[in-house]
């Protein structure tokens, strides 16, 4: 993946945002990380609506990290919406959530998630996750 292609992080928890961004930096992932905190913002970003209309400032991401527990529009709904948009079909979507419920896992895969990862409880484990992400998904997203 080109280092200028963005990673879209759909997450409302500021602590998780901080930890994931730090882990990506420590894994030497230099791609910009764009953060939106609601499901509606994610859909607006991907559609180029409202404040996200300028694709130079808000480029299409190479990959999406999607939390499930979001305000207003839940992650499952965002995932389903993305997969119904023909132009967004190729985007890799990694569900990164605190839910380890089997029903969430199976629903996300049924909706088209490429990967489902439960958020690790420690910063060190998040760092290991970021390194694994670097080796696999950044190569996949071209």
N, C-alpha and C. Protein backbone atom coordinates (compact mmCIF):
# COMPACT_ATOMS: atom_id res chain seq x y z
N UNK A 1 0.85 -1.17 0.00
CA UNK A 1 0.00 0.00 0.00
C UNK A 1 0.89 1.23 0.00
N UNK A 2 0.51 2.19 -0.78
CA UNK A 2 1.23 3.45 -0.82
C UNK A 2 1.14 4.12 0.56
N UNK A 3 2.25 4.70 1.05
CA UNK A 3 2.22 5.29 2.38
C UNK A 3 1.31 6.50 2.51
N UNK A 4 0.79 7.03 1.40
CA UNK A 4 -0.09 8.18 1.51
C UNK A 4 -1.57 7.78 1.51
N UNK A 5 -1.87 6.50 1.32
CA UNK A 5 -3.26 6.06 1.38
C UNK A 5 -3.70 5.98 2.83
N UNK A 6 -4.85 6.54 3.10
CA UNK A 6 -5.32 6.67 4.47
C UNK A 6 -5.88 5.36 5.03
N UNK A 7 -5.82 5.28 6.34
CA UNK A 7 -6.50 4.25 7.10
C UNK A 7 -7.68 4.96 7.76
N UNK A 8 -8.89 4.48 7.54
CA UNK A 8 -10.07 5.08 8.17
C UNK A 8 -10.37 4.31 9.44
N UNK A 9 -10.34 5.00 10.56
CA UNK A 9 -10.64 4.42 11.86
C UNK A 9 -12.00 4.95 12.31
N UNK A 10 -12.97 4.04 12.42
CA UNK A 10 -14.31 4.41 12.85
C UNK A 10 -14.42 3.96 14.30
N UNK A 11 -14.23 4.91 15.21
CA UNK A 11 -14.11 4.59 16.64
C UNK A 11 -14.51 5.80 17.46
N UNK A 12 -15.29 5.59 18.52
CA UNK A 12 -15.72 6.71 19.35
C UNK A 12 -15.01 6.78 20.70
N UNK A 13 -14.21 5.80 21.03
CA UNK A 13 -13.52 5.77 22.32
C UNK A 13 -12.14 6.42 22.16
N UNK A 14 -11.94 7.56 22.83
CA UNK A 14 -10.68 8.30 22.65
C UNK A 14 -9.46 7.51 23.12
N UNK A 15 -9.63 6.70 24.15
CA UNK A 15 -8.50 5.88 24.61
C UNK A 15 -8.11 4.85 23.56
N UNK A 16 -9.10 4.20 22.96
CA UNK A 16 -8.82 3.22 21.91
C UNK A 16 -8.19 3.88 20.69
N UNK A 17 -8.65 5.08 20.36
CA UNK A 17 -8.07 5.83 19.23
C UNK A 17 -6.60 6.10 19.50
N UNK A 18 -6.30 6.61 20.69
CA UNK A 18 -4.92 6.91 21.05
C UNK A 18 -4.05 5.67 20.98
N UNK A 19 -4.51 4.58 21.59
CA UNK A 19 -3.72 3.36 21.63
C UNK A 19 -3.47 2.78 20.25
N UNK A 20 -4.50 2.78 19.41
CA UNK A 20 -4.33 2.21 18.08
C UNK A 20 -3.40 3.08 17.23
N UNK A 21 -3.56 4.39 17.30
CA UNK A 21 -2.68 5.27 16.53
C UNK A 21 -1.22 5.11 16.98
N UNK A 22 -1.02 5.02 18.29
CA UNK A 22 0.33 4.83 18.81
C UNK A 22 0.91 3.48 18.37
N UNK A 23 0.08 2.46 18.41
CA UNK A 23 0.54 1.13 17.99
C UNK A 23 0.90 1.12 16.51
N UNK A 24 0.13 1.80 15.69
CA UNK A 24 0.44 1.87 14.26
C UNK A 24 1.76 2.59 14.04
N UNK A 25 1.99 3.67 14.79
CA UNK A 25 3.26 4.39 14.68
C UNK A 25 4.43 3.49 15.09
N UNK A 26 4.26 2.77 16.19
CA UNK A 26 5.33 1.89 16.66
C UNK A 26 5.59 0.75 15.69
N UNK A 27 4.57 0.37 14.93
CA UNK A 27 4.74 -0.68 13.92
C UNK A 27 5.29 -0.10 12.62
N UNK A 28 5.62 1.20 12.65
CA UNK A 28 6.19 1.91 11.51
C UNK A 28 5.24 1.98 10.32
N UNK A 29 3.96 2.06 10.62
CA UNK A 29 2.96 2.29 9.58
C UNK A 29 2.83 3.79 9.45
N UNK A 30 3.20 4.32 8.30
CA UNK A 30 3.27 5.77 8.12
C UNK A 30 2.03 6.34 7.43
N UNK A 31 1.10 5.49 7.08
CA UNK A 31 -0.11 5.97 6.43
C UNK A 31 -0.89 6.88 7.38
N UNK A 32 -1.49 7.94 6.83
CA UNK A 32 -2.30 8.80 7.70
C UNK A 32 -3.51 8.04 8.22
N UNK A 33 -3.87 8.32 9.46
CA UNK A 33 -5.04 7.71 10.07
C UNK A 33 -6.10 8.79 10.19
N UNK A 34 -7.22 8.58 9.54
CA UNK A 34 -8.35 9.49 9.62
C UNK A 34 -9.36 8.88 10.58
N UNK A 35 -9.81 9.65 11.56
CA UNK A 35 -10.73 9.14 12.57
C UNK A 35 -12.09 9.81 12.42
N UNK A 36 -13.12 8.99 12.39
CA UNK A 36 -14.50 9.47 12.52
C UNK A 36 -15.10 8.73 13.70
N UNK A 37 -16.01 9.39 14.41
CA UNK A 37 -16.46 8.82 15.68
C UNK A 37 -17.89 8.29 15.68
N UNK A 38 -18.59 8.41 14.56
CA UNK A 38 -19.94 7.84 14.50
C UNK A 38 -20.11 7.08 13.19
N UNK A 39 -21.09 6.21 13.17
CA UNK A 39 -21.40 5.48 11.95
C UNK A 39 -21.83 6.41 10.83
N UNK A 40 -22.60 7.44 11.18
CA UNK A 40 -23.05 8.39 10.16
C UNK A 40 -21.87 9.14 9.55
N UNK A 41 -20.92 9.53 10.39
CA UNK A 41 -19.72 10.20 9.86
C UNK A 41 -18.95 9.28 8.92
N UNK A 42 -18.89 8.00 9.25
CA UNK A 42 -18.20 7.04 8.38
C UNK A 42 -18.87 6.98 7.02
N UNK A 43 -20.20 6.91 7.01
CA UNK A 43 -20.92 6.85 5.73
C UNK A 43 -20.77 8.16 4.96
N UNK A 44 -20.81 9.29 5.66
CA UNK A 44 -20.60 10.59 5.00
C UNK A 44 -19.19 10.68 4.42
N UNK A 45 -18.19 10.23 5.18
CA UNK A 45 -16.81 10.25 4.70
C UNK A 45 -16.68 9.43 3.42
N UNK A 46 -17.18 8.21 3.46
CA UNK A 46 -17.04 7.31 2.31
C UNK A 46 -17.85 7.77 1.10
N UNK A 47 -18.93 8.50 1.36
CA UNK A 47 -19.76 9.04 0.27
C UNK A 47 -19.23 10.37 -0.24
N UNK A 48 -18.34 11.00 0.52
CA UNK A 48 -17.86 12.33 0.15
C UNK A 48 -18.91 13.39 0.39
N UNK A 49 -19.74 13.21 1.40
CA UNK A 49 -20.81 14.16 1.71
C UNK A 49 -20.38 15.19 2.74
N UNK A 50 -21.02 16.35 2.67
CA UNK A 50 -20.81 17.40 3.67
C UNK A 50 -19.36 17.80 3.79
N UNK A 51 -18.83 17.80 5.02
CA UNK A 51 -17.45 18.27 5.22
C UNK A 51 -16.40 17.36 4.58
N UNK A 52 -16.80 16.18 4.11
CA UNK A 52 -15.85 15.23 3.52
C UNK A 52 -15.85 15.25 1.99
N UNK A 53 -16.42 16.29 1.41
CA UNK A 53 -16.53 16.36 -0.05
C UNK A 53 -15.18 16.53 -0.75
N UNK A 54 -14.23 17.14 -0.09
CA UNK A 54 -12.92 17.38 -0.70
C UNK A 54 -12.07 16.11 -0.60
N UNK A 55 -11.94 15.38 -1.72
CA UNK A 55 -11.20 14.11 -1.71
C UNK A 55 -9.69 14.31 -1.59
N UNK A 56 -9.20 15.51 -1.81
CA UNK A 56 -7.78 15.76 -1.56
C UNK A 56 -7.51 15.75 -0.05
N UNK A 57 -8.39 16.40 0.68
CA UNK A 57 -8.27 16.46 2.14
C UNK A 57 -8.74 15.17 2.80
N UNK A 58 -9.78 14.56 2.23
CA UNK A 58 -10.37 13.33 2.78
C UNK A 58 -10.36 12.24 1.71
N UNK A 59 -9.19 11.66 1.45
CA UNK A 59 -9.09 10.66 0.38
C UNK A 59 -9.80 9.36 0.75
N UNK A 60 -10.14 8.59 -0.27
CA UNK A 60 -10.71 7.27 -0.01
C UNK A 60 -9.66 6.44 0.72
N UNK A 61 -10.08 5.73 1.74
CA UNK A 61 -9.11 4.94 2.50
C UNK A 61 -8.71 3.67 1.77
N UNK A 62 -7.59 3.14 2.17
CA UNK A 62 -7.13 1.85 1.65
C UNK A 62 -7.72 0.71 2.47
N UNK A 63 -8.03 1.00 3.73
CA UNK A 63 -8.56 -0.01 4.64
C UNK A 63 -9.37 0.70 5.72
N UNK A 64 -10.34 -0.01 6.29
CA UNK A 64 -11.19 0.55 7.34
C UNK A 64 -11.09 -0.32 8.59
N UNK A 65 -10.83 0.32 9.73
CA UNK A 65 -11.00 -0.31 11.04
C UNK A 65 -12.36 0.14 11.55
N UNK A 66 -13.24 -0.78 11.84
CA UNK A 66 -14.61 -0.44 12.22
C UNK A 66 -14.97 -1.03 13.58
N UNK A 67 -15.33 -0.15 14.50
CA UNK A 67 -15.85 -0.60 15.79
C UNK A 67 -17.33 -0.91 15.61
N UNK A 68 -17.87 -1.80 16.41
CA UNK A 68 -19.29 -2.12 16.32
C UNK A 68 -20.15 -1.23 17.20
N UNK A 69 -19.64 -0.86 18.35
CA UNK A 69 -20.44 -0.11 19.33
C UNK A 69 -20.23 1.38 19.11
N UNK A 70 -21.01 1.92 18.18
CA UNK A 70 -20.91 3.32 17.80
C UNK A 70 -22.21 4.05 18.14
N UNK A 71 -22.14 5.36 18.39
CA UNK A 71 -23.38 6.10 18.63
C UNK A 71 -24.18 6.30 17.34
N UNK A 72 -25.48 6.30 17.48
CA UNK A 72 -26.45 6.61 16.43
C UNK A 72 -26.60 5.52 15.38
N UNK A 73 -25.58 5.26 14.60
CA UNK A 73 -25.62 4.20 13.59
C UNK A 73 -24.57 3.17 13.99
N UNK A 74 -25.01 1.96 14.30
CA UNK A 74 -24.10 0.93 14.79
C UNK A 74 -23.18 0.40 13.69
N UNK A 75 -22.09 -0.20 14.12
CA UNK A 75 -21.10 -0.73 13.19
C UNK A 75 -21.66 -1.76 12.22
N UNK A 76 -22.58 -2.61 12.68
CA UNK A 76 -23.19 -3.59 11.77
C UNK A 76 -23.89 -2.90 10.61
N UNK A 77 -24.59 -1.81 10.93
CA UNK A 77 -25.30 -1.06 9.89
C UNK A 77 -24.33 -0.43 8.91
N UNK A 78 -23.24 0.12 9.43
CA UNK A 78 -22.22 0.73 8.57
C UNK A 78 -21.61 -0.33 7.65
N UNK A 79 -21.29 -1.47 8.21
CA UNK A 79 -20.71 -2.56 7.43
C UNK A 79 -21.64 -2.99 6.31
N UNK A 80 -22.91 -3.19 6.62
CA UNK A 80 -23.89 -3.56 5.60
C UNK A 80 -24.02 -2.49 4.53
N UNK A 81 -24.04 -1.23 4.96
CA UNK A 81 -24.16 -0.12 4.00
C UNK A 81 -22.96 -0.10 3.06
N UNK A 82 -21.76 -0.24 3.60
CA UNK A 82 -20.55 -0.22 2.76
C UNK A 82 -20.62 -1.32 1.71
N UNK A 83 -21.00 -2.51 2.11
CA UNK A 83 -21.02 -3.64 1.18
C UNK A 83 -22.13 -3.53 0.13
N UNK A 84 -23.11 -2.66 0.37
CA UNK A 84 -24.14 -2.43 -0.65
C UNK A 84 -23.73 -1.37 -1.67
N UNK A 85 -22.62 -0.67 -1.42
CA UNK A 85 -22.14 0.36 -2.34
C UNK A 85 -21.15 -0.27 -3.30
N UNK A 86 -21.53 -0.37 -4.56
CA UNK A 86 -20.70 -1.06 -5.55
C UNK A 86 -19.26 -0.54 -5.58
N UNK A 87 -19.10 0.78 -5.52
CA UNK A 87 -17.76 1.37 -5.63
C UNK A 87 -16.90 1.13 -4.38
N UNK A 88 -17.53 0.73 -3.27
CA UNK A 88 -16.79 0.48 -2.04
C UNK A 88 -16.51 -0.99 -1.79
N UNK A 89 -17.04 -1.85 -2.64
CA UNK A 89 -16.89 -3.30 -2.45
C UNK A 89 -15.45 -3.76 -2.21
N UNK A 90 -14.47 -3.23 -2.94
CA UNK A 90 -13.09 -3.74 -2.75
C UNK A 90 -12.42 -3.33 -1.44
N UNK A 91 -13.00 -2.37 -0.72
CA UNK A 91 -12.34 -1.88 0.50
C UNK A 91 -12.27 -2.96 1.58
N UNK A 92 -11.07 -3.27 2.06
CA UNK A 92 -10.97 -4.20 3.18
C UNK A 92 -11.53 -3.57 4.45
N UNK A 93 -12.35 -4.32 5.15
CA UNK A 93 -12.94 -3.84 6.40
C UNK A 93 -12.54 -4.79 7.52
N UNK A 94 -11.86 -4.23 8.51
CA UNK A 94 -11.44 -4.99 9.68
C UNK A 94 -12.29 -4.52 10.85
N UNK A 95 -13.15 -5.40 11.33
CA UNK A 95 -13.93 -5.07 12.52
C UNK A 95 -13.00 -5.22 13.71
N UNK A 96 -12.85 -4.14 14.46
CA UNK A 96 -11.99 -4.12 15.65
C UNK A 96 -12.87 -3.67 16.81
N UNK A 97 -13.28 -4.62 17.63
CA UNK A 97 -14.31 -4.35 18.62
C UNK A 97 -14.00 -5.03 19.94
N UNK A 98 -14.70 -4.61 20.97
CA UNK A 98 -14.55 -5.26 22.28
C UNK A 98 -15.46 -6.48 22.41
N UNK A 99 -16.35 -6.67 21.46
CA UNK A 99 -17.30 -7.78 21.54
C UNK A 99 -16.66 -9.10 21.10
N UNK A 100 -16.73 -10.08 21.98
CA UNK A 100 -16.28 -11.42 21.60
C UNK A 100 -17.47 -12.37 21.48
N UNK A 101 -18.65 -11.80 21.23
CA UNK A 101 -19.87 -12.58 21.06
C UNK A 101 -19.85 -13.30 19.71
N UNK A 102 -20.13 -14.58 19.73
CA UNK A 102 -20.16 -15.37 18.49
C UNK A 102 -21.18 -14.82 17.51
N UNK A 103 -22.29 -14.28 18.02
CA UNK A 103 -23.32 -13.74 17.12
C UNK A 103 -22.81 -12.51 16.38
N UNK A 104 -22.02 -11.66 17.05
CA UNK A 104 -21.43 -10.50 16.37
C UNK A 104 -20.44 -10.95 15.30
N UNK A 105 -19.61 -11.90 15.65
CA UNK A 105 -18.62 -12.42 14.71
C UNK A 105 -19.29 -12.98 13.46
N UNK A 106 -20.26 -13.85 13.62
CA UNK A 106 -20.91 -14.46 12.45
C UNK A 106 -21.69 -13.43 11.65
N UNK A 107 -22.32 -12.48 12.33
CA UNK A 107 -23.06 -11.44 11.61
C UNK A 107 -22.12 -10.56 10.78
N UNK A 108 -20.98 -10.20 11.35
CA UNK A 108 -20.03 -9.36 10.62
C UNK A 108 -19.50 -10.07 9.38
N UNK A 109 -19.15 -11.34 9.51
CA UNK A 109 -18.69 -12.07 8.33
C UNK A 109 -19.80 -12.22 7.30
N UNK A 110 -21.03 -12.42 7.75
CA UNK A 110 -22.16 -12.51 6.82
C UNK A 110 -22.39 -11.19 6.09
N UNK A 111 -22.09 -10.09 6.76
CA UNK A 111 -22.25 -8.76 6.15
C UNK A 111 -21.07 -8.37 5.26
N UNK A 112 -19.99 -9.15 5.29
CA UNK A 112 -18.88 -8.88 4.39
C UNK A 112 -17.60 -8.37 5.01
N UNK A 113 -17.44 -8.50 6.32
CA UNK A 113 -16.17 -8.10 6.94
C UNK A 113 -15.05 -9.00 6.44
N UNK A 114 -13.88 -8.41 6.25
CA UNK A 114 -12.71 -9.19 5.84
C UNK A 114 -12.02 -9.85 7.03
N UNK A 115 -12.14 -9.21 8.19
CA UNK A 115 -11.52 -9.75 9.39
C UNK A 115 -12.29 -9.24 10.60
N UNK A 116 -12.25 -10.01 11.67
CA UNK A 116 -12.92 -9.65 12.92
C UNK A 116 -11.92 -9.85 14.04
N UNK A 117 -11.56 -8.76 14.70
CA UNK A 117 -10.56 -8.82 15.77
C UNK A 117 -11.13 -8.23 17.05
N UNK A 118 -10.96 -8.95 18.14
CA UNK A 118 -11.36 -8.44 19.44
C UNK A 118 -10.24 -7.56 19.97
N UNK A 119 -10.60 -6.36 20.43
CA UNK A 119 -9.59 -5.42 20.94
C UNK A 119 -8.82 -6.05 22.09
N UNK A 120 -7.52 -6.07 21.99
CA UNK A 120 -6.71 -6.61 23.09
C UNK A 120 -6.82 -5.71 24.32
N UNK A 121 -6.67 -6.31 25.51
CA UNK A 121 -6.83 -5.53 26.74
C UNK A 121 -5.62 -4.67 27.12
N UNK A 122 -4.45 -4.91 26.52
CA UNK A 122 -3.26 -4.15 26.93
C UNK A 122 -2.63 -3.44 25.73
N UNK A 123 -1.95 -2.32 25.99
CA UNK A 123 -1.26 -1.62 24.91
C UNK A 123 -0.24 -2.49 24.18
N UNK A 124 0.44 -3.37 24.91
CA UNK A 124 1.44 -4.23 24.27
C UNK A 124 0.79 -5.16 23.25
N UNK A 125 -0.37 -5.69 23.61
CA UNK A 125 -1.07 -6.59 22.69
C UNK A 125 -1.61 -5.82 21.48
N UNK A 126 -2.01 -4.57 21.70
CA UNK A 126 -2.45 -3.74 20.58
C UNK A 126 -1.29 -3.50 19.63
N UNK A 127 -0.09 -3.30 20.19
CA UNK A 127 1.11 -3.13 19.35
C UNK A 127 1.38 -4.35 18.49
N UNK A 128 1.24 -5.53 19.07
CA UNK A 128 1.44 -6.77 18.31
C UNK A 128 0.40 -6.89 17.21
N UNK A 129 -0.81 -6.48 17.52
CA UNK A 129 -1.88 -6.51 16.52
C UNK A 129 -1.56 -5.57 15.36
N UNK A 130 -1.05 -4.38 15.68
CA UNK A 130 -0.69 -3.41 14.63
C UNK A 130 0.41 -3.95 13.74
N UNK A 131 1.38 -4.64 14.31
CA UNK A 131 2.45 -5.21 13.50
C UNK A 131 1.91 -6.29 12.57
N UNK A 132 1.01 -7.10 13.06
CA UNK A 132 0.40 -8.14 12.22
C UNK A 132 -0.41 -7.49 11.11
N UNK A 133 -1.09 -6.40 11.44
CA UNK A 133 -1.85 -5.66 10.44
C UNK A 133 -0.94 -5.16 9.34
N UNK A 134 0.21 -4.63 9.71
CA UNK A 134 1.17 -4.11 8.74
C UNK A 134 1.59 -5.18 7.75
N UNK A 135 1.85 -6.36 8.22
CA UNK A 135 2.34 -7.42 7.35
C UNK A 135 1.26 -7.97 6.44
N UNK A 136 0.02 -7.96 6.86
CA UNK A 136 -1.00 -8.61 6.05
C UNK A 136 -1.87 -7.63 5.29
N UNK A 137 -2.58 -6.76 5.98
CA UNK A 137 -3.57 -5.93 5.31
C UNK A 137 -2.98 -4.82 4.46
N UNK A 138 -1.85 -4.27 4.84
CA UNK A 138 -1.27 -3.22 4.01
C UNK A 138 -0.77 -3.78 2.69
N UNK A 139 -0.38 -5.03 2.69
CA UNK A 139 0.01 -5.67 1.43
C UNK A 139 -1.21 -5.98 0.58
N UNK A 140 -2.31 -6.33 1.23
CA UNK A 140 -3.54 -6.68 0.54
C UNK A 140 -4.18 -5.46 -0.11
N UNK A 141 -4.13 -4.33 0.58
CA UNK A 141 -4.83 -3.12 0.12
C UNK A 141 -3.96 -2.36 -0.87
N UNK A 142 -4.13 -2.60 -2.12
CA UNK A 142 -3.32 -1.92 -3.13
C UNK A 142 -4.15 -1.09 -4.05
